Amino acid sequence: MHFQGILLGLASFLSIGVFHPIVIKCEYRFSYRIWPVFLAAGLILLGISAFVRNVIPSAVLGVVGFSCLWSIIELFHQHKRVEKGWFPANPKHHPAKTDTDKP
C-alpha cells in the first residue's frame, strides 16, 4: 500500500487547521500589516520545497508555503470581519467606534 496521498492530505488538513487561528491571533496582535512576514515565510518554504529531494517532505513544505501565502488574503478578510464586529478588535489597532461614527 502507498500512504503518500493520505500523509499529504493529513498535512494539508493540519496546515489549514493550524493557520486559521494563527491568522486570527496575528490580526488581533499585530493588525493586517504583518502580511509581509507571511509572504517571506511562504516564499522561503516554497524555495526550500523546490530543493528537497524526498517527495513527501517537499510536498508538505509546499503546502505550508502556500498556506502562508493564502494567509495573506485571510489577514485582510479577518480585518474586514473585525471591522464588521464579528471578531473582537484590539484597541491598540482599531479605534473604538462611537454612535457618531454611524453614517
Protein backbone atom coordinates (compact mmCIF):
# COMPACT_ATOMS: atom_id res chain seq x y z
CA MET A 1 0.00 0.00 0.00
CA HIS A 2 1.02 3.59 -0.63
CA PHE A 3 0.29 6.11 2.07
CA GLN A 4 1.82 9.22 0.46
CA GLY A 5 -1.57 10.62 -0.56
CA ILE A 6 -3.00 10.09 2.90
CA LEU A 7 0.03 11.75 4.50
CA LEU A 8 -0.20 14.71 2.14
CA GLY A 9 -3.94 15.02 2.81
CA LEU A 10 -3.27 14.97 6.55
CA ALA A 11 -0.55 17.62 6.17
CA SER A 12 -2.94 19.82 4.17
CA PHE A 13 -5.70 19.37 6.74
CA LEU A 14 -3.38 20.19 9.64
CA SER A 15 -1.91 23.17 7.81
CA ILE A 16 -5.34 24.68 7.24
CA GLY A 17 -6.35 23.93 10.82
CA VAL A 18 -3.23 25.50 12.28
CA PHE A 19 -3.19 28.60 10.10
CA HIS A 20 -6.82 29.54 10.84
CA PRO A 21 -6.17 30.54 14.48
CA ILE A 22 -2.74 31.93 13.58
CA VAL A 23 -4.36 34.41 11.21
CA ILE A 24 -6.94 35.44 13.81
CA LYS A 25 -4.31 35.93 16.53
CA CYS A 26 -1.86 37.75 14.23
CA GLU A 27 -4.53 40.16 13.04
CA TYR A 28 -5.53 40.86 16.65
CA ARG A 29 -1.97 41.32 17.96
CA PHE A 30 -0.24 42.94 15.00
CA SER A 31 -3.04 44.01 12.62
CA TYR A 32 -3.12 43.02 8.96
CA ARG A 33 0.18 44.86 8.45
CA ILE A 34 2.06 41.68 9.38
CA TRP A 35 1.36 40.28 5.91
CA PRO A 36 4.99 40.68 4.72
CA VAL A 37 6.05 38.09 7.32
CA PHE A 38 3.62 35.59 5.80
CA LEU A 39 4.90 36.48 2.32
CA ALA A 40 8.52 35.92 3.31
CA ALA A 41 7.74 32.67 5.14
CA GLY A 42 5.71 31.38 2.20
CA LEU A 43 8.37 32.19 -0.37
CA ILE A 44 11.14 30.71 1.78
CA LEU A 45 9.19 27.49 2.35
CA LEU A 46 8.37 27.19 -1.36
CA GLY A 47 12.03 27.77 -2.22
CA ILE A 48 13.16 25.10 0.21
CA SER A 49 10.47 22.78 -1.14
CA ALA A 50 11.97 23.06 -4.61
CA PHE A 51 15.30 21.67 -3.38
CA VAL A 52 14.12 18.84 -1.13
CA ARG A 53 14.60 15.53 -2.92
CA ASN A 54 12.08 13.45 -0.98
CA VAL A 55 8.55 13.87 -2.34
CA ILE A 56 6.57 13.91 0.91
CA PRO A 57 8.68 16.50 2.78
CA SER A 58 8.85 18.60 -0.37
CA ALA A 59 5.07 18.46 -0.79
CA VAL A 60 4.46 19.27 2.88
CA LEU A 61 6.77 22.29 2.63
CA GLY A 62 4.89 23.36 -0.48
CA VAL A 63 1.51 23.02 1.24
CA VAL A 64 2.68 25.01 4.26
CA GLY A 65 4.29 27.61 1.98
CA PHE A 66 1.08 28.12 0.05
CA SER A 67 -0.85 28.19 3.33
CA CYS A 68 1.36 31.11 4.36
CA LEU A 69 0.60 32.88 1.09
CA TRP A 70 -3.14 32.21 1.42
CA SER A 71 -2.98 33.59 4.95
CA ILE A 72 -2.16 36.99 3.48
CA ILE A 73 -5.59 37.08 1.86
CA GLU A 74 -7.18 35.81 5.07
CA LEU A 75 -5.48 38.56 7.12
CA PHE A 76 -7.24 41.19 5.04
CA HIS A 77 -10.54 39.29 5.24
CA GLN A 78 -10.09 38.97 9.01
CA HIS A 79 -9.52 42.72 9.23
CA LYS A 80 -12.87 43.25 7.48
CA ARG A 81 -14.56 40.77 9.85
CA VAL A 82 -13.18 42.73 12.81
CA GLU A 83 -14.47 45.98 11.31
CA LYS A 84 -17.93 44.40 10.97
CA GLY A 85 -17.81 43.41 14.64
CA TRP A 86 -17.72 39.67 14.01
CA PHE A 87 -14.44 39.32 15.93
CA PRO A 88 -13.05 41.37 18.83
CA ALA A 89 -10.90 44.33 17.93
CA ASN A 90 -7.60 45.12 19.59
CA PRO A 91 -7.96 48.67 20.91
CA LYS A 92 -4.34 49.37 20.01
CA HIS A 93 -5.05 48.80 16.31
CA HIS A 94 -8.76 49.51 15.87
CA PRO A 95 -10.16 52.74 17.26
CA ALA A 96 -13.35 52.29 19.28
CA LYS A 97 -16.50 53.06 17.34
CA THR A 98 -18.93 55.54 18.78
CA ASP A 99 -22.51 56.43 17.92
CA THR A 100 -21.23 59.44 15.99
CA ASP A 101 -19.36 57.11 13.62
CA LYS A 102 -22.61 55.87 12.09
CA PRO A 103 -23.34 57.13 8.57
